[in-house]
């Protein structure tokens, strides 16, 4: 995860959106890294984000979907 070299903690919504775009877009956005596609549900993605940020600690899955979907 190259992104984690830039941020040790995702501190705001803009950083979280950038992280999600780099990690979970289905096509290469010029970052030079192509990964295998994997189907994931929203709660799986949220749990990964919560490992690197406290932004959603007190939020529900519905808030996560609204702000990141």
PDB file of N, CA and C in Angstrom:
ATOM      1  N   UNK A   1       0.833  -1.167   0.000  1.00  0.00           N
ATOM      2  CA  UNK A   1       0.000   0.000   0.000  1.00  0.00           C
ATOM      3  C   UNK A   1       0.886   1.241   0.000  1.00  0.00           C
ATOM      4  N   UNK A   2       1.119   1.770  -1.167  1.00  0.00           N
ATOM      5  CA  UNK A   2       1.987   2.933  -1.292  1.00  0.00           C
ATOM      6  C   UNK A   2       1.421   4.159  -0.598  1.00  0.00           C
ATOM      7  N   UNK A   3       0.127   4.281  -0.556  1.00  0.00           N
ATOM      8  CA  UNK A   3      -0.523   5.443   0.041  1.00  0.00           C
ATOM      9  C   UNK A   3      -0.128   5.615   1.496  1.00  0.00           C
ATOM     10  N   UNK A   4       0.030   4.522   2.203  1.00  0.00           N
ATOM     11  CA  UNK A   4       0.317   4.595   3.629  1.00  0.00           C
ATOM     12  C   UNK A   4       1.700   5.154   3.922  1.00  0.00           C
ATOM     13  N   UNK A   5       2.547   5.234   2.910  1.00  0.00           N
ATOM     14  CA  UNK A   5       3.832   5.890   3.096  1.00  0.00           C
ATOM     15  C   UNK A   5       3.652   7.397   3.219  1.00  0.00           C
ATOM     16  N   UNK A   6       2.582   7.941   2.621  1.00  0.00           N
ATOM     17  CA  UNK A   6       2.344   9.382   2.657  1.00  0.00           C
ATOM     18  C   UNK A   6       1.654   9.805   3.935  1.00  0.00           C
ATOM     19  N   UNK A   7       0.708   9.017   4.398  1.00  0.00           N
ATOM     20  CA  UNK A   7      -0.070   9.361   5.582  1.00  0.00           C
ATOM     21  C   UNK A   7       0.039   8.222   6.585  1.00  0.00           C
ATOM     22  N   UNK A   8       0.384   8.540   7.795  1.00  0.00           N
ATOM     23  CA  UNK A   8       0.344   7.504   8.818  1.00  0.00           C
ATOM     24  C   UNK A   8      -1.065   7.384   9.376  1.00  0.00           C
ATOM     25  N   UNK A   9      -1.796   8.492   9.389  1.00  0.00           N
ATOM     26  CA  UNK A   9      -3.177   8.496   9.831  1.00  0.00           C
ATOM     27  C   UNK A   9      -3.990   9.351   8.875  1.00  0.00           C
ATOM     28  N   UNK A  10      -5.101   8.816   8.437  1.00  0.00           N
ATOM     29  CA  UNK A  10      -6.006   9.584   7.586  1.00  0.00           C
ATOM     30  C   UNK A  10      -6.801  10.501   8.507  1.00  0.00           C
ATOM     31  N   UNK A  11      -6.629  11.799   8.346  1.00  0.00           N
ATOM     32  CA  UNK A  11      -7.174  12.748   9.318  1.00  0.00           C
ATOM     33  C   UNK A  11      -8.434  13.473   8.875  1.00  0.00           C
ATOM     34  N   UNK A  12      -8.726  13.471   7.587  1.00  0.00           N
ATOM     35  CA  UNK A  12      -9.915  14.197   7.153  1.00  0.00           C
ATOM     36  C   UNK A  12     -10.570  13.468   5.982  1.00  0.00           C
ATOM     37  N   UNK A  13     -11.739  13.950   5.618  1.00  0.00           N
ATOM     38  CA  UNK A  13     -12.513  13.277   4.578  1.00  0.00           C
ATOM     39  C   UNK A  13     -11.791  13.281   3.240  1.00  0.00           C
ATOM     40  N   UNK A  14     -11.093  14.347   2.911  1.00  0.00           N
ATOM     41  CA  UNK A  14     -10.378  14.413   1.631  1.00  0.00           C
ATOM     42  C   UNK A  14      -9.298  13.331   1.549  1.00  0.00           C
ATOM     43  N   UNK A  15      -8.562  13.112   2.625  1.00  0.00           N
ATOM     44  CA  UNK A  15      -7.537  12.066   2.645  1.00  0.00           C
ATOM     45  C   UNK A  15      -8.170  10.686   2.528  1.00  0.00           C
ATOM     46  N   UNK A  16      -9.307  10.503   3.169  1.00  0.00           N
ATOM     47  CA  UNK A  16      -9.998   9.209   3.110  1.00  0.00           C
ATOM     48  C   UNK A  16     -10.488   8.932   1.693  1.00  0.00           C
ATOM     49  N   UNK A  17     -11.060   9.934   1.037  1.00  0.00           N
ATOM     50  CA  UNK A  17     -11.527   9.769  -0.339  1.00  0.00           C
ATOM     51  C   UNK A  17     -10.352   9.456  -1.257  1.00  0.00           C
ATOM     52  N   UNK A  18      -9.230  10.143  -1.075  1.00  0.00           N
ATOM     53  CA  UNK A  18      -8.042   9.872  -1.891  1.00  0.00           C
ATOM     54  C   UNK A  18      -7.563   8.438  -1.673  1.00  0.00           C
ATOM     55  N   UNK A  19      -7.539   8.000  -0.428  1.00  0.00           N
ATOM     56  CA  UNK A  19      -7.155   6.629  -0.096  1.00  0.00           C
ATOM     57  C   UNK A  19      -8.075   5.627  -0.792  1.00  0.00           C
ATOM     58  N   UNK A  20      -9.383   5.856  -0.680  1.00  0.00           N
ATOM     59  CA  UNK A  20     -10.351   4.945  -1.303  1.00  0.00           C
ATOM     60  C   UNK A  20     -10.178   4.909  -2.815  1.00  0.00           C
ATOM     61  N   UNK A  21      -9.967   6.060  -3.427  1.00  0.00           N
ATOM     62  CA  UNK A  21      -9.777   6.098  -4.872  1.00  0.00           C
ATOM     63  C   UNK A  21      -8.519   5.354  -5.299  1.00  0.00           C
ATOM     64  N   UNK A  22      -7.446   5.522  -4.552  1.00  0.00           N
ATOM     65  CA  UNK A  22      -6.201   4.834  -4.899  1.00  0.00           C
ATOM     66  C   UNK A  22      -6.294   3.326  -4.692  1.00  0.00           C
ATOM     67  N   UNK A  23      -6.996   2.927  -3.665  1.00  0.00           N
ATOM     68  CA  UNK A  23      -7.019   1.509  -3.306  1.00  0.00           C
ATOM     69  C   UNK A  23      -8.135   0.718  -3.985  1.00  0.00           C
ATOM     70  N   UNK A  24      -9.262   1.366  -4.277  1.00  0.00           N
ATOM     71  CA  UNK A  24     -10.436   0.592  -4.667  1.00  0.00           C
ATOM     72  C   UNK A  24     -11.028   0.930  -6.020  1.00  0.00           C
ATOM     73  N   UNK A  25     -10.468   1.852  -6.783  1.00  0.00           N
ATOM     74  CA  UNK A  25     -10.985   2.075  -8.131  1.00  0.00           C
ATOM     75  C   UNK A  25     -10.727   0.835  -8.983  1.00  0.00           C
ATOM     76  N   UNK A  26     -11.672   0.527  -9.838  1.00  0.00           N
ATOM     77  CA  UNK A  26     -11.545  -0.701 -10.627  1.00  0.00           C
ATOM     78  C   UNK A  26     -10.645  -0.540 -11.840  1.00  0.00           C
ATOM     79  N   UNK A  27     -10.248   0.688 -12.152  1.00  0.00           N
ATOM     80  CA  UNK A  27      -9.334   0.880 -13.274  1.00  0.00           C
ATOM     81  C   UNK A  27      -8.101   1.643 -12.802  1.00  0.00           C
ATOM     82  N   UNK A  28      -7.029   1.519 -13.539  1.00  0.00           N
ATOM     83  CA  UNK A  28      -5.772   2.173 -13.186  1.00  0.00           C
ATOM     84  C   UNK A  28      -5.877   3.665 -13.449  1.00  0.00           C
ATOM     85  N   UNK A  29      -5.628   4.468 -12.443  1.00  0.00           N
ATOM     86  CA  UNK A  29      -5.690   5.916 -12.571  1.00  0.00           C
ATOM     87  C   UNK A  29      -4.302   6.518 -12.726  1.00  0.00           C
ATOM     88  N   UNK A  30      -3.400   5.776 -13.348  1.00  0.00           N
ATOM     89  CA  UNK A  30      -2.064   6.287 -13.582  1.00  0.00           C
ATOM     90  C   UNK A  30      -1.108   6.081 -12.431  1.00  0.00           C
ATOM     91  N   UNK A  31      -1.522   5.289 -11.434  1.00  0.00           N
ATOM     92  CA  UNK A  31      -0.623   5.073 -10.312  1.00  0.00           C
ATOM     93  C   UNK A  31       0.375   3.948 -10.568  1.00  0.00           C
ATOM     94  N   UNK A  32       0.261   3.282 -11.722  1.00  0.00           N
ATOM     95  CA  UNK A  32       1.231   2.274 -12.101  1.00  0.00           C
ATOM     96  C   UNK A  32       1.088   0.943 -11.391  1.00  0.00           C
ATOM     97  N   UNK A  33       0.122   0.819 -10.528  1.00  0.00           N
ATOM     98  CA  UNK A  33      -0.071  -0.424  -9.791  1.00  0.00           C
ATOM     99  C   UNK A  33      -1.407  -1.023 -10.214  1.00  0.00           C
ATOM    100  N   UNK A  34      -1.367  -2.217 -10.735  1.00  0.00           N
ATOM    101  CA  UNK A  34      -2.579  -2.931 -11.117  1.00  0.00           C
ATOM    102  C   UNK A  34      -2.739  -4.092 -10.139  1.00  0.00           C
ATOM    103  N   UNK A  35      -3.902  -4.190  -9.545  1.00  0.00           N
ATOM    104  CA  UNK A  35      -4.161  -5.257  -8.577  1.00  0.00           C
ATOM    105  C   UNK A  35      -5.290  -6.134  -9.078  1.00  0.00           C
ATOM    106  N   UNK A  36      -5.432  -7.270  -8.447  1.00  0.00           N
ATOM    107  CA  UNK A  36      -6.557  -8.139  -8.757  1.00  0.00           C
ATOM    108  C   UNK A  36      -7.828  -7.510  -8.206  1.00  0.00           C
ATOM    109  N   UNK A  37      -8.909  -7.629  -8.948  1.00  0.00           N
ATOM    110  CA  UNK A  37     -10.199  -7.126  -8.491  1.00  0.00           C
ATOM    111  C   UNK A  37     -10.794  -8.106  -7.489  1.00  0.00           C
ATOM    112  N   UNK A  38     -11.430  -7.571  -6.487  1.00  0.00           N
ATOM    113  CA  UNK A  38     -12.075  -8.388  -5.471  1.00  0.00           C
ATOM    114  C   UNK A  38     -13.395  -7.717  -5.106  1.00  0.00           C
ATOM    115  N   UNK A  39     -14.453  -8.492  -5.077  1.00  0.00           N
ATOM    116  CA  UNK A  39     -15.733  -7.959  -4.627  1.00  0.00           C
ATOM    117  C   UNK A  39     -15.685  -7.756  -3.124  1.00  0.00           C
ATOM    118  N   UNK A  40     -16.114  -6.579  -2.697  1.00  0.00           N
ATOM    119  CA  UNK A  40     -16.137  -6.265  -1.267  1.00  0.00           C
ATOM    120  C   UNK A  40     -17.453  -5.569  -0.949  1.00  0.00           C
ATOM    121  N   UNK A  41     -17.916  -5.774   0.259  1.00  0.00           N
ATOM    122  CA  UNK A  41     -19.096  -5.058   0.707  1.00  0.00           C
ATOM    123  C   UNK A  41     -18.648  -3.804   1.459  1.00  0.00           C
ATOM    124  N   UNK A  42     -19.547  -2.865   1.588  1.00  0.00           N
ATOM    125  CA  UNK A  42     -19.229  -1.564   2.180  1.00  0.00           C
ATOM    126  C   UNK A  42     -18.625  -1.695   3.576  1.00  0.00           C
ATOM    127  N   UNK A  43     -19.147  -2.598   4.371  1.00  0.00           N
ATOM    128  CA  UNK A  43     -18.630  -2.735   5.738  1.00  0.00           C
ATOM    129  C   UNK A  43     -17.173  -3.211   5.749  1.00  0.00           C
ATOM    130  N   UNK A  44     -16.772  -4.012   4.778  1.00  0.00           N
ATOM    131  CA  UNK A  44     -15.372  -4.433   4.682  1.00  0.00           C
ATOM    132  C   UNK A  44     -14.461  -3.239   4.391  1.00  0.00           C
ATOM    133  N   UNK A  45     -14.898  -2.409   3.456  1.00  0.00           N
ATOM    134  CA  UNK A  45     -14.119  -1.221   3.114  1.00  0.00           C
ATOM    135  C   UNK A  45     -14.044  -0.285   4.315  1.00  0.00           C
ATOM    136  N   UNK A  46     -15.163  -0.085   4.987  1.00  0.00           N
ATOM    137  CA  UNK A  46     -15.190   0.788   6.165  1.00  0.00           C
ATOM    138  C   UNK A  46     -14.245   0.278   7.245  1.00  0.00           C
ATOM    139  N   UNK A  47     -14.225  -1.017   7.469  1.00  0.00           N
ATOM    140  CA  UNK A  47     -13.338  -1.586   8.488  1.00  0.00           C
ATOM    141  C   UNK A  47     -11.869  -1.357   8.145  1.00  0.00           C
ATOM    142  N   UNK A  48     -11.524  -1.405   6.868  1.00  0.00           N
ATOM    143  CA  UNK A  48     -10.143  -1.127   6.459  1.00  0.00           C
ATOM    144  C   UNK A  48      -9.812   0.345   6.692  1.00  0.00           C
ATOM    145  N   UNK A  49     -10.726   1.226   6.317  1.00  0.00           N
ATOM    146  CA  UNK A  49     -10.503   2.659   6.544  1.00  0.00           C
ATOM    147  C   UNK A  49     -10.334   2.940   8.041  1.00  0.00           C
ATOM    148  N   UNK A  50     -11.124   2.287   8.859  1.00  0.00           N
ATOM    149  CA  UNK A  50     -11.061   2.523  10.310  1.00  0.00           C
ATOM    150  C   UNK A  50      -9.731   2.082  10.916  1.00  0.00           C
ATOM    151  N   UNK A  51      -8.980   1.224  10.234  1.00  0.00           N
ATOM    152  CA  UNK A  51      -7.653   0.842  10.716  1.00  0.00           C
ATOM    153  C   UNK A  51      -6.674   2.001  10.639  1.00  0.00           C
ATOM    154  N   UNK A  52      -6.926   2.925   9.719  1.00  0.00           N
ATOM    155  CA  UNK A  52      -5.999   4.021   9.453  1.00  0.00           C
ATOM    156  C   UNK A  52      -6.549   5.391   9.837  1.00  0.00           C
ATOM    157  N   UNK A  53      -7.773   5.444  10.353  1.00  0.00           N
ATOM    158  CA  UNK A  53      -8.388   6.720  10.674  1.00  0.00           C
ATOM    159  C   UNK A  53      -9.370   6.560  11.824  1.00  0.00           C
ATOM    160  N   UNK A  54      -9.503   7.612  12.608  1.00  0.00           N
ATOM    161  CA  UNK A  54     -10.534   7.625  13.654  1.00  0.00           C
ATOM    162  C   UNK A  54     -11.759   8.412  13.190  1.00  0.00           C
ATOM    163  N   UNK A  55     -11.720   8.906  11.959  1.00  0.00           N
ATOM    164  CA  UNK A  55     -12.775   9.756  11.414  1.00  0.00           C
ATOM    165  C   UNK A  55     -14.154   9.099  11.502  1.00  0.00           C
ATOM    166  N   UNK A  56     -14.241   7.797  11.298  1.00  0.00           N
ATOM    167  CA  UNK A  56     -15.532   7.107  11.284  1.00  0.00           C
ATOM    168  C   UNK A  56     -15.774   6.268  12.536  1.00  0.00           C
ATOM    169  N   UNK A  57     -14.989   6.445  13.565  1.00  0.00           N
ATOM    170  CA  UNK A  57     -15.155   5.629  14.766  1.00  0.00           C
ATOM    171  C   UNK A  57     -16.550   5.735  15.377  1.00  0.00           C
ATOM    172  N   UNK A  58     -17.110   6.915  15.370  1.00  0.00           N
ATOM    173  CA  UNK A  58     -18.428   7.092  15.978  1.00  0.00           C
ATOM    174  C   UNK A  58     -19.539   7.225  14.933  1.00  0.00           C
ATOM    175  N   UNK A  59     -19.253   6.799  13.708  1.00  0.00           N
ATOM    176  CA  UNK A  59     -20.218   6.920  12.612  1.00  0.00           C
ATOM    177  C   UNK A  59     -20.784   5.543  12.240  1.00  0.00           C
ATOM    178  N   UNK A  60     -21.961   5.562  11.650  1.00  0.00           N
ATOM    179  CA  UNK A  60     -22.588   4.321  11.197  1.00  0.00           C
ATOM    180  C   UNK A  60     -22.184   4.035   9.757  1.00  0.00           C
ATOM    181  N   UNK A  61     -22.518   2.850   9.308  1.00  0.00           N
ATOM    182  CA  UNK A  61     -22.251   2.454   7.928  1.00  0.00           C
ATOM    183  C   UNK A  61     -23.003   3.363   6.956  1.00  0.00           C
ATOM    184  N   UNK A  62     -24.161   3.860   7.363  1.00  0.00           N
ATOM    185  CA  UNK A  62     -24.957   4.740   6.509  1.00  0.00           C
ATOM    186  C   UNK A  62     -24.244   6.073   6.280  1.00  0.00           C
ATOM    187  N   UNK A  63     -23.614   6.610   7.319  1.00  0.00           N
ATOM    188  CA  UNK A  63     -22.844   7.851   7.195  1.00  0.00           C
ATOM    189  C   UNK A  63     -21.630   7.611   6.298  1.00  0.00           C
ATOM    190  N   UNK A  64     -20.966   6.476   6.470  1.00  0.00           N
ATOM    191  CA  UNK A  64     -19.830   6.128   5.632  1.00  0.00           C
ATOM    192  C   UNK A  64     -20.242   6.101   4.162  1.00  0.00           C
ATOM    193  N   UNK A  65     -21.348   5.474   3.859  1.00  0.00           N
ATOM    194  CA  UNK A  65     -21.848   5.399   2.471  1.00  0.00           C
ATOM    195  C   UNK A  65     -22.135   6.789   1.916  1.00  0.00           C
ATOM    196  N   UNK A  66     -22.745   7.643   2.729  1.00  0.00           N
ATOM    197  CA  UNK A  66     -23.094   8.991   2.277  1.00  0.00           C
ATOM    198  C   UNK A  66     -21.834   9.809   1.976  1.00  0.00           C
ATOM    199  N   UNK A  67     -20.831   9.719   2.834  1.00  0.00           N
ATOM    200  CA  UNK A  67     -19.663  10.567   2.699  1.00  0.00           C
ATOM    201  C   UNK A  67     -18.619  10.007   1.738  1.00  0.00           C
ATOM    202  N   UNK A  68     -18.628   8.706   1.523  1.00  0.00           N
ATOM    203  CA  UNK A  68     -17.601   8.099   0.684  1.00  0.00           C
ATOM    204  C   UNK A  68     -18.153   7.415  -0.549  1.00  0.00           C
ATOM    205  N   UNK A  69     -19.443   7.289  -0.644  1.00  0.00           N
ATOM    206  CA  UNK A  69     -20.042   6.581  -1.763  1.00  0.00           C
ATOM    207  C   UNK A  69     -20.243   7.459  -2.898  1.00  0.00           C
TER     208      UNK A  69
END
